Amino acid sequence: METKASIRYLKMSPRKVRVVADLVRGRNVGDAIRTLTFVKRAAAEPVRKVIESAVANARQADSAIDVDALYIKSLMVDMGPTGNMRRWRPRAQGRATRVVKGLSHISVVLDIR
């Protein structure tokens, strides 16, 4: 039985979130939450919250589910829209370049082993 959860429009760069997501992808849920509790990265808290939300969704769908048997089947981090967070940085010879402020979409799928 698969359960899903997602966070959209997280104000954090997808590159930074993917580093944390790679640590826990494919692990048991308990292992992943324990690991993310002690990781010293800002992205660890939102990833942990979305995993806990997926566990809560699994409990809501089936109250007799064994939470210890759940594992992270897929954990994807995608880039959100960049249209509304535009910044400009001055460059040499009177030019300017865009500074793209990153937004992330995180989605997790849990399954039973």
N, C-alpha and C. Protein backbone atom coordinates (compact mmCIF):
# COMPACT_ATOMS: atom_id res chain seq x y z
N MET A 1 0.83 -1.18 0.00
CA MET A 1 0.00 0.00 0.00
C MET A 1 0.88 1.25 0.00
N GLU A 2 0.76 2.03 -1.02
CA GLU A 2 1.55 3.25 -1.14
C GLU A 2 0.82 4.43 -0.52
N THR A 3 1.56 5.27 0.16
CA THR A 3 1.02 6.53 0.66
C THR A 3 1.94 7.65 0.22
N LYS A 4 1.34 8.83 0.01
CA LYS A 4 2.09 9.96 -0.53
C LYS A 4 1.92 11.19 0.36
N ALA A 5 2.90 12.08 0.25
CA ALA A 5 2.82 13.39 0.89
C ALA A 5 3.74 14.31 0.10
N SER A 6 3.46 15.61 0.17
CA SER A 6 4.31 16.54 -0.57
C SER A 6 4.31 17.91 0.10
N ILE A 7 5.38 18.64 -0.16
CA ILE A 7 5.50 20.04 0.22
C ILE A 7 5.74 20.80 -1.07
N ARG A 8 5.00 21.86 -1.26
CA ARG A 8 5.17 22.66 -2.46
C ARG A 8 5.57 24.08 -2.08
N TYR A 9 6.34 24.70 -2.94
CA TYR A 9 6.79 26.09 -2.79
C TYR A 9 7.63 26.30 -1.52
N LEU A 10 8.50 25.35 -1.21
CA LEU A 10 9.43 25.51 -0.10
C LEU A 10 10.50 26.50 -0.51
N LYS A 11 10.74 27.51 0.31
CA LYS A 11 11.69 28.56 -0.05
C LYS A 11 13.11 28.12 0.30
N MET A 12 13.57 27.14 -0.49
CA MET A 12 14.91 26.61 -0.34
C MET A 12 15.34 26.04 -1.70
N SER A 13 16.58 26.18 -2.01
CA SER A 13 17.09 25.74 -3.30
C SER A 13 16.99 24.21 -3.43
N PRO A 14 16.54 23.70 -4.58
CA PRO A 14 16.44 22.25 -4.77
C PRO A 14 17.80 21.55 -4.66
N ARG A 15 18.85 22.25 -5.02
CA ARG A 15 20.19 21.66 -4.93
C ARG A 15 20.56 21.34 -3.48
N LYS A 16 20.17 22.22 -2.57
CA LYS A 16 20.46 22.01 -1.15
C LYS A 16 19.58 20.91 -0.56
N VAL A 17 18.33 20.84 -1.01
CA VAL A 17 17.41 19.83 -0.49
C VAL A 17 17.78 18.45 -0.99
N ARG A 18 18.27 18.34 -2.22
CA ARG A 18 18.62 17.04 -2.79
C ARG A 18 19.76 16.37 -2.04
N VAL A 19 20.67 17.16 -1.47
CA VAL A 19 21.77 16.59 -0.68
C VAL A 19 21.21 15.82 0.51
N VAL A 20 20.20 16.38 1.16
CA VAL A 20 19.59 15.72 2.32
C VAL A 20 18.71 14.56 1.87
N ALA A 21 18.00 14.74 0.76
CA ALA A 21 17.11 13.68 0.27
C ALA A 21 17.90 12.43 -0.11
N ASP A 22 19.10 12.60 -0.62
CA ASP A 22 19.93 11.46 -1.00
C ASP A 22 20.36 10.63 0.21
N LEU A 23 20.40 11.26 1.38
CA LEU A 23 20.79 10.53 2.60
C LEU A 23 19.76 9.49 3.01
N VAL A 24 18.48 9.75 2.78
CA VAL A 24 17.44 8.90 3.34
C VAL A 24 16.65 8.12 2.30
N ARG A 25 16.88 8.34 1.03
CA ARG A 25 16.12 7.65 -0.01
C ARG A 25 16.36 6.14 0.07
N GLY A 26 15.26 5.36 0.13
CA GLY A 26 15.35 3.91 0.18
C GLY A 26 15.45 3.32 1.58
N ARG A 27 15.53 4.14 2.59
CA ARG A 27 15.66 3.65 3.97
C ARG A 27 14.30 3.39 4.61
N ASN A 28 14.33 2.70 5.75
CA ASN A 28 13.12 2.56 6.57
C ASN A 28 12.75 3.91 7.14
N VAL A 29 11.46 4.09 7.43
CA VAL A 29 10.98 5.39 7.90
C VAL A 29 11.60 5.77 9.24
N GLY A 30 11.67 4.83 10.16
CA GLY A 30 12.26 5.12 11.47
C GLY A 30 13.71 5.52 11.37
N ASP A 31 14.45 4.81 10.53
CA ASP A 31 15.85 5.14 10.28
C ASP A 31 16.00 6.54 9.70
N ALA A 32 15.16 6.85 8.73
CA ALA A 32 15.24 8.14 8.05
C ALA A 32 14.94 9.29 9.01
N ILE A 33 13.91 9.14 9.83
CA ILE A 33 13.55 10.21 10.76
C ILE A 33 14.66 10.41 11.80
N ARG A 34 15.24 9.31 12.28
CA ARG A 34 16.34 9.42 13.24
C ARG A 34 17.54 10.11 12.61
N THR A 35 17.86 9.77 11.37
CA THR A 35 18.99 10.38 10.68
C THR A 35 18.76 11.88 10.48
N LEU A 36 17.56 12.24 10.03
CA LEU A 36 17.27 13.64 9.76
C LEU A 36 17.20 14.49 11.03
N THR A 37 16.95 13.87 12.16
CA THR A 37 16.92 14.62 13.42
C THR A 37 18.29 15.18 13.76
N PHE A 38 19.35 14.46 13.37
CA PHE A 38 20.71 14.86 13.77
C PHE A 38 21.54 15.44 12.63
N VAL A 39 20.97 15.58 11.45
CA VAL A 39 21.69 16.18 10.33
C VAL A 39 21.68 17.69 10.51
N LYS A 40 22.85 18.31 10.37
CA LYS A 40 22.97 19.76 10.58
C LYS A 40 22.84 20.50 9.25
N ARG A 41 21.69 20.35 8.62
CA ARG A 41 21.38 21.07 7.40
C ARG A 41 19.99 21.66 7.55
N ALA A 42 19.77 22.82 6.98
CA ALA A 42 18.47 23.47 7.09
C ALA A 42 17.39 22.68 6.37
N ALA A 43 17.77 21.94 5.34
CA ALA A 43 16.79 21.18 4.56
C ALA A 43 16.32 19.92 5.26
N ALA A 44 16.98 19.53 6.35
CA ALA A 44 16.63 18.29 7.04
C ALA A 44 15.25 18.39 7.69
N GLU A 45 14.89 19.55 8.21
CA GLU A 45 13.60 19.68 8.89
C GLU A 45 12.41 19.55 7.93
N PRO A 46 12.39 20.24 6.78
CA PRO A 46 11.25 20.05 5.87
C PRO A 46 11.15 18.62 5.32
N VAL A 47 12.29 17.98 5.05
CA VAL A 47 12.26 16.60 4.56
C VAL A 47 11.71 15.67 5.63
N ARG A 48 12.12 15.89 6.88
CA ARG A 48 11.61 15.08 7.98
C ARG A 48 10.10 15.28 8.15
N LYS A 49 9.65 16.52 8.03
CA LYS A 49 8.23 16.80 8.18
C LYS A 49 7.39 16.15 7.10
N VAL A 50 7.87 16.14 5.85
CA VAL A 50 7.09 15.52 4.79
C VAL A 50 7.05 14.00 4.96
N ILE A 51 8.12 13.40 5.49
CA ILE A 51 8.10 11.96 5.76
C ILE A 51 7.12 11.65 6.88
N GLU A 52 7.12 12.46 7.94
CA GLU A 52 6.17 12.26 9.03
C GLU A 52 4.74 12.46 8.56
N SER A 53 4.53 13.37 7.64
CA SER A 53 3.20 13.58 7.08
C SER A 53 2.74 12.37 6.28
N ALA A 54 3.65 11.76 5.54
CA ALA A 54 3.31 10.55 4.79
C ALA A 54 2.98 9.39 5.72
N VAL A 55 3.68 9.31 6.84
CA VAL A 55 3.37 8.26 7.84
C VAL A 55 1.99 8.50 8.43
N ALA A 56 1.67 9.76 8.71
CA ALA A 56 0.34 10.08 9.23
C ALA A 56 -0.74 9.76 8.20
N ASN A 57 -0.46 9.99 6.93
CA ASN A 57 -1.41 9.64 5.88
C ASN A 57 -1.62 8.13 5.81
N ALA A 58 -0.55 7.37 6.02
CA ALA A 58 -0.67 5.91 6.02
C ALA A 58 -1.52 5.43 7.19
N ARG A 59 -1.30 6.03 8.35
CA ARG A 59 -2.11 5.65 9.52
C ARG A 59 -3.58 6.01 9.33
N GLN A 60 -3.83 7.15 8.68
CA GLN A 60 -5.20 7.58 8.44
C GLN A 60 -5.90 6.65 7.46
N ALA A 61 -5.18 6.16 6.45
CA ALA A 61 -5.78 5.28 5.45
C ALA A 61 -6.05 3.89 6.02
N ASP A 62 -5.14 3.39 6.87
CA ASP A 62 -5.30 2.05 7.43
C ASP A 62 -4.74 2.07 8.85
N SER A 63 -5.61 2.00 9.84
CA SER A 63 -5.17 2.11 11.23
C SER A 63 -4.39 0.88 11.70
N ALA A 64 -4.51 -0.24 11.00
CA ALA A 64 -3.82 -1.47 11.40
C ALA A 64 -2.46 -1.61 10.72
N ILE A 65 -1.98 -0.56 10.08
CA ILE A 65 -0.72 -0.66 9.34
C ILE A 65 0.46 -0.70 10.30
N ASP A 66 1.48 -1.48 9.94
CA ASP A 66 2.70 -1.57 10.73
C ASP A 66 3.65 -0.47 10.25
N VAL A 67 3.83 0.55 11.06
CA VAL A 67 4.64 1.71 10.67
C VAL A 67 6.11 1.31 10.53
N ASP A 68 6.56 0.32 11.30
CA ASP A 68 7.96 -0.11 11.22
C ASP A 68 8.28 -0.79 9.89
N ALA A 69 7.27 -1.26 9.17
CA ALA A 69 7.49 -1.92 7.89
C ALA A 69 7.53 -0.95 6.73
N LEU A 70 7.24 0.34 6.96
CA LEU A 70 7.24 1.32 5.89
C LEU A 70 8.67 1.72 5.51
N TYR A 71 8.88 1.95 4.22
CA TYR A 71 10.16 2.46 3.76
C TYR A 71 9.91 3.52 2.68
N ILE A 72 10.93 4.31 2.41
CA ILE A 72 10.80 5.40 1.45
C ILE A 72 11.03 4.84 0.06
N LYS A 73 9.95 4.70 -0.68
CA LYS A 73 10.04 4.16 -2.03
C LYS A 73 10.60 5.18 -2.99
N SER A 74 10.11 6.41 -2.91
CA SER A 74 10.68 7.47 -3.75
C SER A 74 10.61 8.79 -3.00
N LEU A 75 11.64 9.58 -3.19
CA LEU A 75 11.73 10.91 -2.57
C LEU A 75 12.28 11.83 -3.65
N MET A 76 11.41 12.67 -4.21
CA MET A 76 11.80 13.52 -5.32
C MET A 76 11.80 14.99 -4.90
N VAL A 77 12.79 15.70 -5.38
CA VAL A 77 12.90 17.14 -5.14
C VAL A 77 12.94 17.82 -6.50
N ASP A 78 11.93 18.61 -6.80
CA ASP A 78 11.83 19.31 -8.08
C ASP A 78 11.92 20.82 -7.84
N MET A 79 12.24 21.52 -8.91
CA MET A 79 12.35 22.97 -8.82
C MET A 79 10.98 23.62 -9.00
N GLY A 80 10.69 24.60 -8.17
CA GLY A 80 9.45 25.33 -8.27
C GLY A 80 9.60 26.50 -9.23
N PRO A 81 8.55 27.31 -9.37
CA PRO A 81 8.62 28.44 -10.29
C PRO A 81 9.56 29.53 -9.78
N THR A 82 10.21 30.21 -10.70
CA THR A 82 11.14 31.27 -10.32
C THR A 82 10.66 32.64 -10.75
N GLY A 83 9.44 32.73 -11.26
CA GLY A 83 8.94 33.98 -11.83
C GLY A 83 8.74 35.09 -10.84
N ASN A 84 8.40 34.80 -9.59
CA ASN A 84 8.05 35.86 -8.67
C ASN A 84 9.18 36.26 -7.73
N MET A 85 10.33 35.64 -7.80
CA MET A 85 11.45 36.00 -6.94
C MET A 85 12.63 36.42 -7.81
N ARG A 86 12.52 37.55 -8.48
CA ARG A 86 13.58 38.02 -9.36
C ARG A 86 14.47 39.03 -8.64
N ARG A 87 15.75 38.81 -8.76
CA ARG A 87 16.72 39.76 -8.22
C ARG A 87 17.77 40.02 -9.29
N TRP A 88 18.40 41.18 -9.23
CA TRP A 88 19.42 41.53 -10.22
C TRP A 88 20.72 41.84 -9.51
N ARG A 89 21.82 41.43 -10.14
CA ARG A 89 23.16 41.66 -9.59
C ARG A 89 23.99 42.41 -10.62
N PRO A 90 24.61 43.50 -10.21
CA PRO A 90 25.44 44.24 -11.16
C PRO A 90 26.68 43.44 -11.55
N ARG A 91 27.04 43.57 -12.82
CA ARG A 91 28.21 42.88 -13.35
C ARG A 91 29.13 43.89 -14.04
N ALA A 92 30.20 43.39 -14.57
CA ALA A 92 31.20 44.24 -15.21
C ALA A 92 30.63 44.89 -16.48
N GLN A 93 31.18 46.02 -16.82
CA GLN A 93 30.87 46.77 -18.04
C GLN A 93 29.40 47.17 -18.13
N GLY A 94 28.81 47.51 -17.00
CA GLY A 94 27.45 48.02 -16.98
C GLY A 94 26.35 46.99 -17.19
N ARG A 95 26.69 45.74 -17.15
CA ARG A 95 25.68 44.70 -17.34
C ARG A 95 25.06 44.29 -16.01
N ALA A 96 24.00 43.52 -16.11
CA ALA A 96 23.36 42.97 -14.92
C ALA A 96 22.93 41.54 -15.24
N THR A 97 22.98 40.67 -14.24
CA THR A 97 22.52 39.29 -14.42
C THR A 97 21.47 38.96 -13.37
N ARG A 98 20.61 38.02 -13.69
CA ARG A 98 19.55 37.63 -12.77
C ARG A 98 20.09 36.73 -11.67
N VAL A 99 19.59 36.92 -10.48
CA VAL A 99 19.85 36.02 -9.37
C VAL A 99 18.55 35.25 -9.17
N VAL A 100 18.60 33.94 -9.37
CA VAL A 100 17.41 33.12 -9.26
C VAL A 100 17.29 32.59 -7.84
N LYS A 101 16.24 32.97 -7.17
CA LYS A 101 15.97 32.48 -5.83
C LYS A 101 15.18 31.18 -5.97
N GLY A 102 15.70 30.10 -5.40
CA GLY A 102 15.12 28.79 -5.64
C GLY A 102 13.91 28.49 -4.78
N LEU A 103 12.95 27.81 -5.38
CA LEU A 103 11.81 27.23 -4.68
C LEU A 103 11.80 25.74 -4.98
N SER A 104 11.38 24.94 -4.02
CA SER A 104 11.41 23.48 -4.18
C SER A 104 10.05 22.87 -3.98
N HIS A 105 9.81 21.77 -4.68
CA HIS A 105 8.68 20.89 -4.44
C HIS A 105 9.26 19.54 -4.00
N ILE A 106 8.85 19.06 -2.83
CA ILE A 106 9.32 17.77 -2.33
C ILE A 106 8.13 16.83 -2.31
N SER A 107 8.29 15.64 -2.86
CA SER A 107 7.23 14.63 -2.79
C SER A 107 7.83 13.30 -2.37
N VAL A 108 7.13 12.60 -1.49
CA VAL A 108 7.61 11.33 -0.96
C VAL A 108 6.53 10.27 -1.13
N VAL A 109 6.96 9.06 -1.44
CA VAL A 109 6.06 7.91 -1.54
C VAL A 109 6.58 6.84 -0.61
N LEU A 110 5.74 6.36 0.31
CA LEU A 110 6.12 5.29 1.23
C LEU A 110 5.41 4.01 0.79
N ASP A 111 6.06 2.88 1.06
CA ASP A 111 5.48 1.58 0.74
C ASP A 111 5.88 0.60 1.85
N ILE A 112 5.23 -0.56 1.84
CA ILE A 112 5.50 -1.60 2.85
C ILE A 112 6.48 -2.59 2.26
N ARG A 113 7.50 -2.94 3.03
CA ARG A 113 8.45 -3.97 2.59
C ARG A 113 7.87 -5.33 2.71
